[in-house]
N, C-alpha and C. Protein backbone atom coordinates (compact mmCIF):
# COMPACT_ATOMS: atom_id res chain seq x y z
N MET A 1 0.84 -1.20 0.00
CA MET A 1 0.00 0.00 0.00
C MET A 1 0.88 1.26 0.00
N ILE A 2 0.38 2.30 -0.63
CA ILE A 2 1.07 3.59 -0.63
C ILE A 2 0.17 4.61 0.05
N PRO A 3 0.75 5.64 0.65
CA PRO A 3 -0.08 6.65 1.32
C PRO A 3 -0.84 7.52 0.33
N TRP A 4 -2.02 7.98 0.78
CA TRP A 4 -2.82 8.92 0.00
C TRP A 4 -2.61 10.31 0.58
N LEU A 5 -2.19 11.24 -0.26
CA LEU A 5 -1.86 12.59 0.18
C LEU A 5 -3.09 13.49 0.12
N ASP A 6 -3.31 14.24 1.18
CA ASP A 6 -4.47 15.12 1.29
C ASP A 6 -4.24 16.37 0.45
N PRO A 7 -5.04 16.60 -0.58
CA PRO A 7 -4.82 17.78 -1.43
C PRO A 7 -5.08 19.10 -0.73
N ASP A 8 -5.78 19.07 0.40
CA ASP A 8 -6.08 20.30 1.12
C ASP A 8 -5.05 20.62 2.20
N ALA A 9 -4.10 19.71 2.38
CA ALA A 9 -3.04 19.93 3.38
C ALA A 9 -1.81 20.53 2.69
N SER A 10 -0.85 20.96 3.49
CA SER A 10 0.42 21.42 2.93
C SER A 10 1.14 20.22 2.30
N PRO A 11 1.91 20.45 1.24
CA PRO A 11 2.57 19.33 0.58
C PRO A 11 3.59 18.65 1.48
N HIS A 12 3.42 17.36 1.65
CA HIS A 12 4.34 16.58 2.48
C HIS A 12 4.36 15.16 1.92
N PHE A 13 5.55 14.69 1.57
CA PHE A 13 5.70 13.38 0.95
C PHE A 13 6.38 12.41 1.91
N PRO A 14 6.07 11.12 1.78
CA PRO A 14 6.79 10.13 2.59
C PRO A 14 8.26 10.08 2.19
N GLU A 15 9.08 9.49 3.04
CA GLU A 15 10.48 9.31 2.71
C GLU A 15 10.60 8.50 1.43
N THR A 16 11.52 8.92 0.56
CA THR A 16 11.64 8.26 -0.74
C THR A 16 12.06 6.80 -0.62
N ALA A 17 12.71 6.44 0.48
CA ALA A 17 13.12 5.04 0.67
C ALA A 17 11.91 4.11 0.77
N ARG A 18 10.71 4.69 0.98
CA ARG A 18 9.50 3.87 1.08
C ARG A 18 8.88 3.58 -0.29
N ALA A 19 9.48 4.07 -1.36
CA ALA A 19 8.96 3.81 -2.69
C ALA A 19 8.94 2.31 -2.97
N LEU A 20 7.92 1.87 -3.67
CA LEU A 20 7.74 0.44 -3.93
C LEU A 20 8.79 -0.08 -4.91
N ALA A 21 9.08 -1.36 -4.76
CA ALA A 21 9.94 -2.04 -5.73
C ALA A 21 9.14 -2.41 -6.98
N GLU A 22 7.82 -2.61 -6.82
CA GLU A 22 6.95 -2.97 -7.94
C GLU A 22 5.56 -2.39 -7.70
N PRO A 23 5.07 -1.48 -8.56
CA PRO A 23 5.81 -0.89 -9.68
C PRO A 23 6.96 -0.01 -9.18
N ALA A 24 8.07 -0.12 -9.85
CA ALA A 24 9.32 0.45 -9.37
C ALA A 24 9.24 1.96 -9.18
N GLY A 25 9.41 2.39 -7.95
CA GLY A 25 9.48 3.81 -7.65
C GLY A 25 8.19 4.47 -7.23
N LEU A 26 7.08 3.75 -7.25
CA LEU A 26 5.80 4.37 -6.86
C LEU A 26 5.84 4.70 -5.38
N LEU A 27 5.56 5.97 -5.05
CA LEU A 27 5.74 6.45 -3.68
C LEU A 27 4.43 6.84 -3.01
N ALA A 28 3.53 7.50 -3.72
CA ALA A 28 2.31 8.01 -3.09
C ALA A 28 1.30 8.35 -4.17
N ALA A 29 0.07 8.61 -3.73
CA ALA A 29 -1.00 9.03 -4.63
C ALA A 29 -1.73 10.21 -4.01
N GLY A 30 -2.45 10.94 -4.85
CA GLY A 30 -3.23 12.07 -4.35
C GLY A 30 -2.47 13.38 -4.39
N GLY A 31 -2.82 14.27 -3.49
CA GLY A 31 -2.20 15.58 -3.47
C GLY A 31 -2.72 16.47 -4.58
N ARG A 32 -1.89 17.42 -4.97
CA ARG A 32 -2.28 18.40 -6.00
C ARG A 32 -1.13 18.61 -6.96
N LEU A 33 -1.44 19.18 -8.12
CA LEU A 33 -0.41 19.53 -9.09
C LEU A 33 -0.18 21.04 -9.12
N SER A 34 -0.31 21.67 -7.97
CA SER A 34 -0.06 23.11 -7.89
C SER A 34 1.45 23.37 -7.96
N VAL A 35 1.81 24.61 -8.21
CA VAL A 35 3.22 24.99 -8.23
C VAL A 35 3.88 24.64 -6.90
N GLU A 36 3.21 24.92 -5.79
CA GLU A 36 3.78 24.62 -4.47
C GLU A 36 4.06 23.14 -4.32
N TRP A 37 3.11 22.28 -4.65
CA TRP A 37 3.30 20.84 -4.52
C TRP A 37 4.42 20.36 -5.43
N LEU A 38 4.45 20.84 -6.66
CA LEU A 38 5.47 20.38 -7.61
C LEU A 38 6.88 20.78 -7.17
N LEU A 39 7.03 21.98 -6.65
CA LEU A 39 8.36 22.40 -6.21
C LEU A 39 8.85 21.58 -5.02
N VAL A 40 7.96 21.31 -4.07
CA VAL A 40 8.34 20.45 -2.94
C VAL A 40 8.74 19.07 -3.44
N ALA A 41 7.98 18.54 -4.39
CA ALA A 41 8.27 17.20 -4.92
C ALA A 41 9.62 17.16 -5.62
N TYR A 42 9.84 18.06 -6.57
CA TYR A 42 11.07 18.00 -7.36
C TYR A 42 12.32 18.21 -6.51
N ARG A 43 12.21 19.04 -5.49
CA ARG A 43 13.39 19.25 -4.63
C ARG A 43 13.77 17.97 -3.90
N GLN A 44 12.83 17.03 -3.77
CA GLN A 44 13.12 15.74 -3.14
C GLN A 44 13.33 14.63 -4.17
N GLY A 45 13.37 15.00 -5.45
CA GLY A 45 13.57 13.99 -6.48
C GLY A 45 12.32 13.19 -6.80
N ILE A 46 11.17 13.74 -6.51
CA ILE A 46 9.88 13.07 -6.73
C ILE A 46 9.17 13.75 -7.90
N PHE A 47 8.54 12.96 -8.76
CA PHE A 47 7.85 13.56 -9.90
C PHE A 47 6.50 12.87 -10.12
N PRO A 48 5.54 13.58 -10.71
CA PRO A 48 4.22 12.99 -11.00
C PRO A 48 4.24 12.26 -12.34
N TRP A 49 3.47 11.18 -12.41
CA TRP A 49 3.37 10.40 -13.64
C TRP A 49 2.12 9.53 -13.54
N PHE A 50 1.12 9.83 -14.36
CA PHE A 50 -0.15 9.11 -14.26
C PHE A 50 -0.93 9.35 -15.55
N GLY A 51 -1.89 8.50 -15.81
CA GLY A 51 -2.68 8.60 -17.02
C GLY A 51 -3.92 9.45 -16.85
N GLU A 52 -4.52 9.79 -17.98
CA GLU A 52 -5.79 10.53 -17.95
C GLU A 52 -6.83 9.75 -17.17
N ASN A 53 -7.60 10.45 -16.33
CA ASN A 53 -8.67 9.85 -15.51
C ASN A 53 -8.13 8.92 -14.42
N GLU A 54 -6.86 9.01 -14.11
CA GLU A 54 -6.28 8.28 -12.98
C GLU A 54 -5.95 9.27 -11.87
N PRO A 55 -5.81 8.79 -10.63
CA PRO A 55 -5.36 9.69 -9.56
C PRO A 55 -3.92 10.12 -9.80
N ILE A 56 -3.54 11.24 -9.22
CA ILE A 56 -2.15 11.68 -9.31
C ILE A 56 -1.26 10.65 -8.62
N LEU A 57 -0.24 10.20 -9.31
CA LEU A 57 0.73 9.26 -8.74
C LEU A 57 2.10 9.93 -8.70
N TRP A 58 2.82 9.71 -7.60
CA TRP A 58 4.13 10.31 -7.40
C TRP A 58 5.19 9.21 -7.34
N TRP A 59 6.35 9.47 -7.98
CA TRP A 59 7.37 8.44 -8.18
C TRP A 59 8.75 8.92 -7.74
N SER A 60 9.52 7.96 -7.25
CA SER A 60 10.92 8.20 -6.92
C SER A 60 11.69 6.91 -7.22
N PRO A 61 12.00 6.66 -8.50
CA PRO A 61 12.66 5.39 -8.86
C PRO A 61 14.12 5.36 -8.43
N ALA A 62 14.60 4.16 -8.15
CA ALA A 62 16.01 3.94 -7.84
C ALA A 62 16.41 2.61 -8.48
N PRO A 63 17.55 2.58 -9.18
CA PRO A 63 18.47 3.70 -9.40
C PRO A 63 17.85 4.79 -10.26
N ARG A 64 18.53 5.93 -10.27
CA ARG A 64 18.04 7.09 -11.01
C ARG A 64 18.93 7.31 -12.23
N THR A 65 18.32 7.60 -13.36
CA THR A 65 19.09 7.87 -14.57
C THR A 65 19.37 9.35 -14.67
N VAL A 66 20.64 9.70 -14.81
CA VAL A 66 21.06 11.09 -14.87
C VAL A 66 22.09 11.26 -15.97
N LEU A 67 22.25 12.50 -16.37
CA LEU A 67 23.29 12.85 -17.33
C LEU A 67 24.12 13.98 -16.73
N TYR A 68 25.40 13.72 -16.53
CA TYR A 68 26.31 14.79 -16.14
C TYR A 68 26.72 15.52 -17.42
N PRO A 69 26.49 16.84 -17.49
CA PRO A 69 26.71 17.55 -18.75
C PRO A 69 28.06 17.31 -19.40
N ASP A 70 29.13 17.21 -18.59
CA ASP A 70 30.45 16.98 -19.16
C ASP A 70 30.57 15.63 -19.84
N ALA A 71 29.64 14.70 -19.53
CA ALA A 71 29.70 13.36 -20.09
C ALA A 71 28.79 13.19 -21.30
N PHE A 72 28.17 14.27 -21.76
CA PHE A 72 27.30 14.16 -22.93
C PHE A 72 28.10 13.64 -24.12
N HIS A 73 27.57 12.62 -24.77
CA HIS A 73 28.26 12.01 -25.91
C HIS A 73 27.74 12.59 -27.21
N THR A 74 28.63 13.25 -27.94
CA THR A 74 28.28 13.81 -29.24
C THR A 74 28.77 12.86 -30.32
N SER A 75 27.86 12.21 -31.00
CA SER A 75 28.23 11.31 -32.09
C SER A 75 28.74 12.12 -33.28
N ARG A 76 29.39 11.43 -34.20
CA ARG A 76 29.87 12.12 -35.40
C ARG A 76 28.72 12.71 -36.19
N SER A 77 27.62 11.97 -36.28
CA SER A 77 26.48 12.47 -37.05
C SER A 77 25.86 13.70 -36.39
N LEU A 78 25.82 13.72 -35.05
CA LEU A 78 25.26 14.88 -34.37
C LEU A 78 26.19 16.08 -34.52
N ALA A 79 27.50 15.84 -34.40
CA ALA A 79 28.46 16.94 -34.58
C ALA A 79 28.36 17.50 -36.00
N ARG A 80 28.19 16.62 -36.98
CA ARG A 80 28.06 17.07 -38.36
C ARG A 80 26.79 17.90 -38.54
N LEU A 81 25.68 17.44 -37.94
CA LEU A 81 24.43 18.18 -38.03
C LEU A 81 24.56 19.57 -37.40
N GLU A 82 25.25 19.64 -36.28
CA GLU A 82 25.44 20.93 -35.62
C GLU A 82 26.27 21.86 -36.50
N ARG A 83 27.32 21.34 -37.13
CA ARG A 83 28.17 22.17 -37.99
C ARG A 83 27.42 22.71 -39.21
N GLN A 84 26.44 21.95 -39.67
CA GLN A 84 25.68 22.38 -40.84
C GLN A 84 24.83 23.62 -40.58
N ALA A 85 24.57 23.90 -39.32
CA ALA A 85 23.81 25.09 -38.91
C ALA A 85 22.48 25.20 -39.64
N ARG A 86 21.80 24.05 -39.80
CA ARG A 86 20.48 24.04 -40.46
C ARG A 86 19.38 24.51 -39.52
N TYR A 87 19.65 24.45 -38.22
CA TYR A 87 18.61 24.73 -37.23
C TYR A 87 19.06 25.82 -36.27
N ALA A 88 18.09 26.51 -35.72
CA ALA A 88 18.34 27.49 -34.66
C ALA A 88 17.79 26.93 -33.35
N ILE A 89 18.55 27.09 -32.28
CA ILE A 89 18.13 26.64 -30.95
C ILE A 89 17.69 27.86 -30.15
N THR A 90 16.48 27.79 -29.60
CA THR A 90 15.95 28.87 -28.79
C THR A 90 15.52 28.33 -27.43
N GLU A 91 15.30 29.23 -26.49
CA GLU A 91 14.87 28.85 -25.15
C GLU A 91 13.61 29.62 -24.77
N ASN A 92 12.63 28.87 -24.27
CA ASN A 92 11.41 29.46 -23.70
C ASN A 92 10.68 30.40 -24.67
N ARG A 93 10.86 30.17 -25.96
CA ARG A 93 10.12 31.00 -26.90
C ARG A 93 8.67 30.56 -27.02
N ASP A 94 8.44 29.25 -26.89
CA ASP A 94 7.07 28.75 -27.00
C ASP A 94 6.93 27.46 -26.19
N PHE A 95 6.92 27.62 -24.87
CA PHE A 95 6.83 26.46 -23.98
C PHE A 95 5.58 25.64 -24.27
N ALA A 96 4.46 26.31 -24.49
CA ALA A 96 3.20 25.59 -24.71
C ALA A 96 3.29 24.70 -25.94
N ALA A 97 3.90 25.19 -27.01
CA ALA A 97 4.02 24.38 -28.22
C ALA A 97 4.91 23.16 -27.99
N VAL A 98 5.95 23.32 -27.19
CA VAL A 98 6.84 22.19 -26.91
C VAL A 98 6.12 21.11 -26.12
N ILE A 99 5.42 21.49 -25.06
CA ILE A 99 4.76 20.46 -24.26
C ILE A 99 3.62 19.80 -25.04
N GLU A 100 2.95 20.56 -25.89
CA GLU A 100 1.91 19.96 -26.72
C GLU A 100 2.52 18.98 -27.72
N ALA A 101 3.67 19.31 -28.29
CA ALA A 101 4.33 18.39 -29.22
C ALA A 101 4.81 17.14 -28.49
N CYS A 102 5.32 17.29 -27.28
CA CYS A 102 5.75 16.13 -26.50
C CYS A 102 4.57 15.23 -26.16
N ALA A 103 3.40 15.82 -26.03
CA ALA A 103 2.20 15.04 -25.69
C ALA A 103 1.57 14.37 -26.90
N GLY A 104 2.06 14.68 -28.09
CA GLY A 104 1.47 14.13 -29.31
C GLY A 104 1.71 12.65 -29.46
N GLU A 105 0.94 12.03 -30.33
CA GLU A 105 1.06 10.59 -30.58
C GLU A 105 2.41 10.28 -31.22
N ARG A 106 2.95 9.11 -30.83
CA ARG A 106 4.22 8.65 -31.37
C ARG A 106 4.05 7.23 -31.90
N ALA A 107 4.82 6.91 -32.91
CA ALA A 107 4.73 5.59 -33.52
C ALA A 107 5.04 4.52 -32.48
N GLY A 108 4.14 3.54 -32.36
CA GLY A 108 4.36 2.43 -31.44
C GLY A 108 4.06 2.75 -30.00
N GLN A 109 3.56 3.95 -29.71
CA GLN A 109 3.26 4.35 -28.33
C GLN A 109 1.83 4.89 -28.26
N PRO A 110 0.88 4.04 -28.00
CA PRO A 110 -0.51 4.51 -27.90
C PRO A 110 -0.70 5.40 -26.67
N GLY A 111 -1.34 6.53 -26.88
CA GLY A 111 -1.64 7.40 -25.75
C GLY A 111 -0.40 8.14 -25.25
N THR A 112 -0.56 8.91 -24.19
CA THR A 112 0.54 9.68 -23.62
C THR A 112 0.29 9.88 -22.14
N TRP A 113 1.39 9.99 -21.38
CA TRP A 113 1.26 10.29 -19.95
C TRP A 113 1.16 11.79 -19.73
N ILE A 114 1.42 12.60 -20.77
CA ILE A 114 1.32 14.05 -20.62
C ILE A 114 -0.13 14.42 -20.88
N ASN A 115 -0.95 14.24 -19.86
CA ASN A 115 -2.38 14.46 -20.00
C ASN A 115 -2.73 15.93 -19.76
N SER A 116 -4.01 16.24 -19.85
CA SER A 116 -4.44 17.63 -19.75
C SER A 116 -4.10 18.25 -18.40
N GLN A 117 -4.18 17.46 -17.32
CA GLN A 117 -3.82 17.99 -16.00
C GLN A 117 -2.34 18.34 -15.94
N MET A 118 -1.50 17.47 -16.51
CA MET A 118 -0.06 17.72 -16.50
C MET A 118 0.27 18.95 -17.33
N ILE A 119 -0.36 19.09 -18.49
CA ILE A 119 -0.09 20.25 -19.33
C ILE A 119 -0.44 21.53 -18.59
N ASP A 120 -1.61 21.59 -17.97
CA ASP A 120 -2.02 22.78 -17.23
C ASP A 120 -1.05 23.07 -16.08
N ALA A 121 -0.64 22.01 -15.37
CA ALA A 121 0.25 22.19 -14.22
C ALA A 121 1.61 22.73 -14.65
N PHE A 122 2.14 22.21 -15.76
CA PHE A 122 3.46 22.67 -16.19
C PHE A 122 3.41 24.04 -16.86
N LEU A 123 2.28 24.39 -17.44
CA LEU A 123 2.13 25.76 -17.91
C LEU A 123 2.16 26.73 -16.73
N ASP A 124 1.51 26.37 -15.63
CA ASP A 124 1.57 27.19 -14.42
C ASP A 124 3.00 27.26 -13.89
N LEU A 125 3.69 26.13 -13.92
CA LEU A 125 5.07 26.09 -13.43
C LEU A 125 5.98 26.95 -14.32
N HIS A 126 5.70 26.94 -15.62
CA HIS A 126 6.45 27.80 -16.54
C HIS A 126 6.18 29.27 -16.25
N ASP A 127 4.91 29.61 -16.05
CA ASP A 127 4.57 31.00 -15.74
C ASP A 127 5.24 31.48 -14.45
N ALA A 128 5.46 30.53 -13.53
CA ALA A 128 6.12 30.87 -12.26
C ALA A 128 7.64 30.91 -12.39
N GLY A 129 8.16 30.56 -13.57
CA GLY A 129 9.60 30.67 -13.82
C GLY A 129 10.40 29.42 -13.56
N PHE A 130 9.75 28.27 -13.34
CA PHE A 130 10.47 27.05 -12.98
C PHE A 130 10.48 25.98 -14.07
N ALA A 131 9.59 26.04 -15.03
CA ALA A 131 9.58 25.08 -16.12
C ALA A 131 10.08 25.77 -17.38
N HIS A 132 11.02 25.11 -18.08
CA HIS A 132 11.70 25.72 -19.21
C HIS A 132 11.66 24.80 -20.43
N SER A 133 11.72 25.41 -21.59
CA SER A 133 11.78 24.64 -22.82
C SER A 133 13.00 25.04 -23.64
N ILE A 134 13.52 24.07 -24.38
CA ILE A 134 14.55 24.29 -25.39
C ILE A 134 13.92 23.90 -26.72
N GLU A 135 14.02 24.77 -27.71
CA GLU A 135 13.36 24.53 -28.98
C GLU A 135 14.37 24.47 -30.11
N CYS A 136 14.10 23.61 -31.07
CA CYS A 136 14.89 23.52 -32.30
C CYS A 136 14.00 23.95 -33.46
N ARG A 137 14.46 24.93 -34.24
CA ARG A 137 13.63 25.52 -35.28
C ARG A 137 14.31 25.47 -36.64
N ALA A 138 13.51 25.16 -37.63
CA ALA A 138 13.92 25.30 -39.02
C ALA A 138 13.13 26.48 -39.57
N GLY A 139 13.74 27.63 -39.61
CA GLY A 139 12.99 28.84 -39.93
C GLY A 139 11.98 29.10 -38.84
N ASP A 140 10.71 29.20 -39.24
CA ASP A 140 9.64 29.44 -38.27
C ASP A 140 9.04 28.16 -37.73
N ARG A 141 9.49 27.01 -38.24
CA ARG A 141 8.89 25.73 -37.84
C ARG A 141 9.59 25.15 -36.61
N LEU A 142 8.79 24.70 -35.66
CA LEU A 142 9.30 23.99 -34.49
C LEU A 142 9.46 22.52 -34.87
N VAL A 143 10.71 22.02 -34.90
CA VAL A 143 10.96 20.67 -35.39
C VAL A 143 11.50 19.73 -34.31
N GLY A 144 11.79 20.26 -33.14
CA GLY A 144 12.27 19.44 -32.04
C GLY A 144 12.30 20.25 -30.77
N GLY A 145 12.37 19.57 -29.64
CA GLY A 145 12.43 20.31 -28.39
C GLY A 145 12.39 19.41 -27.19
N LEU A 146 12.56 20.02 -26.04
CA LEU A 146 12.45 19.33 -24.76
C LEU A 146 11.99 20.33 -23.72
N TYR A 147 11.48 19.81 -22.60
CA TYR A 147 11.11 20.70 -21.50
C TYR A 147 11.40 20.00 -20.18
N GLY A 148 11.49 20.79 -19.13
CA GLY A 148 11.75 20.24 -17.81
C GLY A 148 11.68 21.33 -16.75
N VAL A 149 12.07 20.95 -15.56
CA VAL A 149 12.00 21.83 -14.39
C VAL A 149 13.42 22.25 -14.01
N VAL A 150 13.60 23.52 -13.73
CA VAL A 150 14.90 24.05 -13.33
C VAL A 150 14.85 24.47 -11.88
N LEU A 151 15.70 23.85 -11.06
CA LEU A 151 15.89 24.25 -9.67
C LEU A 151 17.38 24.36 -9.42
N GLY A 152 17.85 25.57 -9.19
CA GLY A 152 19.28 25.76 -8.98
C GLY A 152 20.05 25.33 -10.21
N ARG A 153 20.99 24.40 -10.01
CA ARG A 153 21.84 23.94 -11.10
C ARG A 153 21.47 22.54 -11.57
N VAL A 154 20.23 22.18 -11.32
CA VAL A 154 19.71 20.88 -11.78
C VAL A 154 18.57 21.12 -12.77
N PHE A 155 18.64 20.41 -13.89
CA PHE A 155 17.55 20.41 -14.86
C PHE A 155 16.87 19.05 -14.79
N PHE A 156 15.61 19.05 -14.40
CA PHE A 156 14.83 17.81 -14.31
C PHE A 156 14.11 17.61 -15.64
N GLY A 157 14.68 16.78 -16.50
CA GLY A 157 14.11 16.58 -17.81
C GLY A 157 12.79 15.83 -17.74
N GLU A 158 11.80 16.27 -18.51
CA GLU A 158 10.49 15.64 -18.51
C GLU A 158 10.21 14.89 -19.81
N SER A 159 10.37 15.55 -20.94
CA SER A 159 10.08 14.87 -22.21
C SER A 159 10.76 15.63 -23.34
N MET A 160 10.92 14.95 -24.48
CA MET A 160 11.49 15.58 -25.67
C MET A 160 10.79 15.01 -26.90
N PHE A 161 10.93 15.72 -28.00
CA PHE A 161 10.34 15.24 -29.25
C PHE A 161 11.21 15.66 -30.42
N SER A 162 11.10 14.93 -31.51
CA SER A 162 11.77 15.26 -32.76
C SER A 162 10.80 15.08 -33.91
N HIS A 163 10.60 16.11 -34.70
CA HIS A 163 9.85 16.00 -35.94
C HIS A 163 10.78 15.83 -37.13
N GLU A 164 12.06 16.10 -36.91
CA GLU A 164 13.11 15.82 -37.88
C GLU A 164 14.25 15.14 -37.14
N PRO A 165 15.01 14.26 -37.83
CA PRO A 165 16.00 13.43 -37.14
C PRO A 165 16.99 14.24 -36.30
N ASN A 166 17.17 13.78 -35.06
CA ASN A 166 18.21 14.27 -34.14
C ASN A 166 17.98 15.70 -33.64
N THR A 167 16.81 16.26 -33.87
CA THR A 167 16.61 17.64 -33.42
C THR A 167 16.47 17.73 -31.90
N SER A 168 15.90 16.72 -31.26
CA SER A 168 15.85 16.76 -29.79
C SER A 168 17.24 16.59 -29.20
N LYS A 169 18.10 15.83 -29.89
CA LYS A 169 19.48 15.67 -29.42
C LYS A 169 20.22 17.00 -29.47
N LEU A 170 19.96 17.79 -30.50
CA LEU A 170 20.58 19.12 -30.55
C LEU A 170 20.15 19.97 -29.36
N CYS A 171 18.89 19.83 -28.96
CA CYS A 171 18.40 20.58 -27.81
C CYS A 171 19.09 20.13 -26.52
N LEU A 172 19.23 18.81 -26.37
CA LEU A 172 19.88 18.29 -25.17
C LEU A 172 21.35 18.69 -25.15
N LYS A 173 22.00 18.67 -26.30
CA LYS A 173 23.40 19.11 -26.37
C LYS A 173 23.52 20.57 -25.98
N HIS A 174 22.61 21.40 -26.46
CA HIS A 174 22.60 22.81 -26.08
C HIS A 174 22.48 22.96 -24.56
N LEU A 175 21.62 22.16 -23.96
CA LEU A 175 21.44 22.21 -22.51
C LEU A 175 22.73 21.81 -21.80
N ALA A 176 23.35 20.72 -22.26
CA ALA A 176 24.58 20.23 -21.63
C ALA A 176 25.73 21.22 -21.81
N ASP A 177 25.78 21.86 -22.97
CA ASP A 177 26.89 22.79 -23.27
C ASP A 177 26.71 24.16 -22.64
N SER A 178 25.53 24.44 -22.08
CA SER A 178 25.24 25.80 -21.60
C SER A 178 26.08 26.21 -20.41
N GLY A 179 26.58 25.24 -19.64
CA GLY A 179 27.37 25.54 -18.45
C GLY A 179 26.54 25.93 -17.24
N ARG A 180 25.22 25.89 -17.37
CA ARG A 180 24.36 26.33 -16.27
C ARG A 180 24.02 25.21 -15.29
N PHE A 181 24.24 23.95 -15.70
CA PHE A 181 23.75 22.84 -14.90
C PHE A 181 24.86 21.87 -14.54
N ARG A 182 24.75 21.35 -13.31
CA ARG A 182 25.67 20.32 -12.85
C ARG A 182 25.10 18.92 -13.07
N LEU A 183 23.78 18.85 -13.22
CA LEU A 183 23.12 17.56 -13.34
C LEU A 183 21.85 17.71 -14.18
N ILE A 184 21.62 16.75 -15.06
CA ILE A 184 20.36 16.66 -15.81
C ILE A 184 19.69 15.35 -15.40
N ASP A 185 18.54 15.46 -14.76
CA ASP A 185 17.80 14.27 -14.34
C ASP A 185 17.03 13.72 -15.53
N CYS A 186 17.22 12.44 -15.80
CA CYS A 186 16.53 11.78 -16.92
C CYS A 186 15.49 10.78 -16.43
N GLN A 187 15.36 10.64 -15.12
CA GLN A 187 14.36 9.79 -14.48
C GLN A 187 14.62 8.30 -14.71
N LEU A 188 14.28 7.78 -15.90
CA LEU A 188 14.37 6.33 -16.16
C LEU A 188 15.26 6.07 -17.35
N SER A 189 15.95 4.94 -17.32
CA SER A 189 16.92 4.62 -18.35
C SER A 189 16.26 4.13 -19.64
N THR A 190 16.79 4.60 -20.77
CA THR A 190 16.42 4.07 -22.08
C THR A 190 17.71 3.93 -22.89
N ALA A 191 17.66 3.12 -23.93
CA ALA A 191 18.82 2.96 -24.80
C ALA A 191 19.21 4.30 -25.43
N HIS A 192 18.20 5.09 -25.78
CA HIS A 192 18.45 6.40 -26.38
C HIS A 192 19.24 7.29 -25.44
N LEU A 193 18.82 7.36 -24.18
CA LEU A 193 19.53 8.20 -23.21
C LEU A 193 20.92 7.67 -22.92
N ARG A 194 21.07 6.36 -22.81
CA ARG A 194 22.39 5.79 -22.56
C ARG A 194 23.35 6.12 -23.69
N SER A 195 22.85 6.14 -24.93
CA SER A 195 23.71 6.46 -26.07
C SER A 195 24.22 7.89 -26.01
N LEU A 196 23.54 8.73 -25.26
CA LEU A 196 23.94 10.13 -25.12
C LEU A 196 24.80 10.38 -23.88
N GLY A 197 25.07 9.32 -23.13
CA GLY A 197 25.96 9.45 -21.97
C GLY A 197 25.28 9.34 -20.62
N ALA A 198 23.97 9.09 -20.59
CA ALA A 198 23.26 8.98 -19.30
C ALA A 198 23.69 7.70 -18.58
N ILE A 199 23.73 7.77 -17.26
CA ILE A 199 24.09 6.63 -16.42
C ILE A 199 23.09 6.50 -15.29
N GLU A 200 23.14 5.37 -14.59
CA GLU A 200 22.31 5.16 -13.42
C GLU A 200 23.13 5.37 -12.16
N ILE A 201 22.56 6.07 -11.18
CA ILE A 201 23.21 6.24 -9.88
C ILE A 201 22.20 5.86 -8.80
N ASP A 202 22.70 5.55 -7.61
CA ASP A 202 21.78 5.14 -6.55
C ASP A 202 21.08 6.34 -5.94
N ARG A 203 20.05 6.06 -5.17
CA ARG A 203 19.20 7.13 -4.62
C ARG A 203 20.00 8.07 -3.72
N GLY A 204 20.89 7.53 -2.92
CA GLY A 204 21.66 8.38 -2.01
C GLY A 204 22.52 9.38 -2.77
N GLU A 205 23.17 8.94 -3.83
CA GLU A 205 24.00 9.84 -4.63
C GLU A 205 23.13 10.90 -5.31
N PHE A 206 21.99 10.48 -5.81
CA PHE A 206 21.10 11.42 -6.49
C PHE A 206 20.58 12.48 -5.52
N GLU A 207 20.09 12.05 -4.38
CA GLU A 207 19.53 13.01 -3.43
C GLU A 207 20.62 13.89 -2.82
N GLY A 208 21.83 13.37 -2.69
CA GLY A 208 22.95 14.20 -2.25
C GLY A 208 23.24 15.30 -3.26
N ALA A 209 23.16 14.96 -4.55
CA ALA A 209 23.36 15.97 -5.59
C ALA A 209 22.28 17.04 -5.53
N LEU A 210 21.05 16.63 -5.26
CA LEU A 210 19.97 17.62 -5.14
C LEU A 210 20.22 18.54 -3.95
N ASP A 211 20.69 17.99 -2.87
CA ASP A 211 20.99 18.82 -1.69
C ASP A 211 22.04 19.88 -2.01
N ARG A 212 23.02 19.53 -2.84
CA ARG A 212 24.10 20.45 -3.15
C ARG A 212 23.72 21.48 -4.20
N TRP A 213 22.92 21.10 -5.16
CA TRP A 213 22.78 21.91 -6.38
C TRP A 213 21.39 22.50 -6.61
N THR A 214 20.40 22.18 -5.78
CA THR A 214 19.10 22.84 -5.98
C THR A 214 18.91 23.95 -4.95
């Protein structure tokens, strides 16, 4: 069993060590998706993830997948694409368009976890100055991007999309090269993220990094 959080109370989460092993990282349910609740959650390495018409679910998986910016792997093809200067990289020019694109249908992936509640919550978080987007543009067209939460020197990555090959990778490279962050949280491991240099670290190391850099 996991605890149910009272949405009318102040945000308070159980210790992350209480997260379930199966489903991996599930910590609590309920609460709210307000800016206050989200900031308390992210500072503890907790994030929301749930489907449409489901209760809010909060997660703290271990091990945690992260990318240290200095370890970002630039493949030859990505370096070549960057040199071609076919695209312009912008920041926070159209956060709403990025999150809507991330929520769009993808081949082989029915549905999306970026539901209407999540979109509204992250738009509020963006308006409050904590959620940021990186955009890749071909002229006036948005062809790739990513968004996440910024606290101190940590970027908590949420989702990315590419409408043209490798455009989200250009956005992630821009983020890693910016010099503003000591850690990029990737949440869960995928082959795609590992190819870019992401690694898994244990919960203690991850939460220690949050203590230092958020």
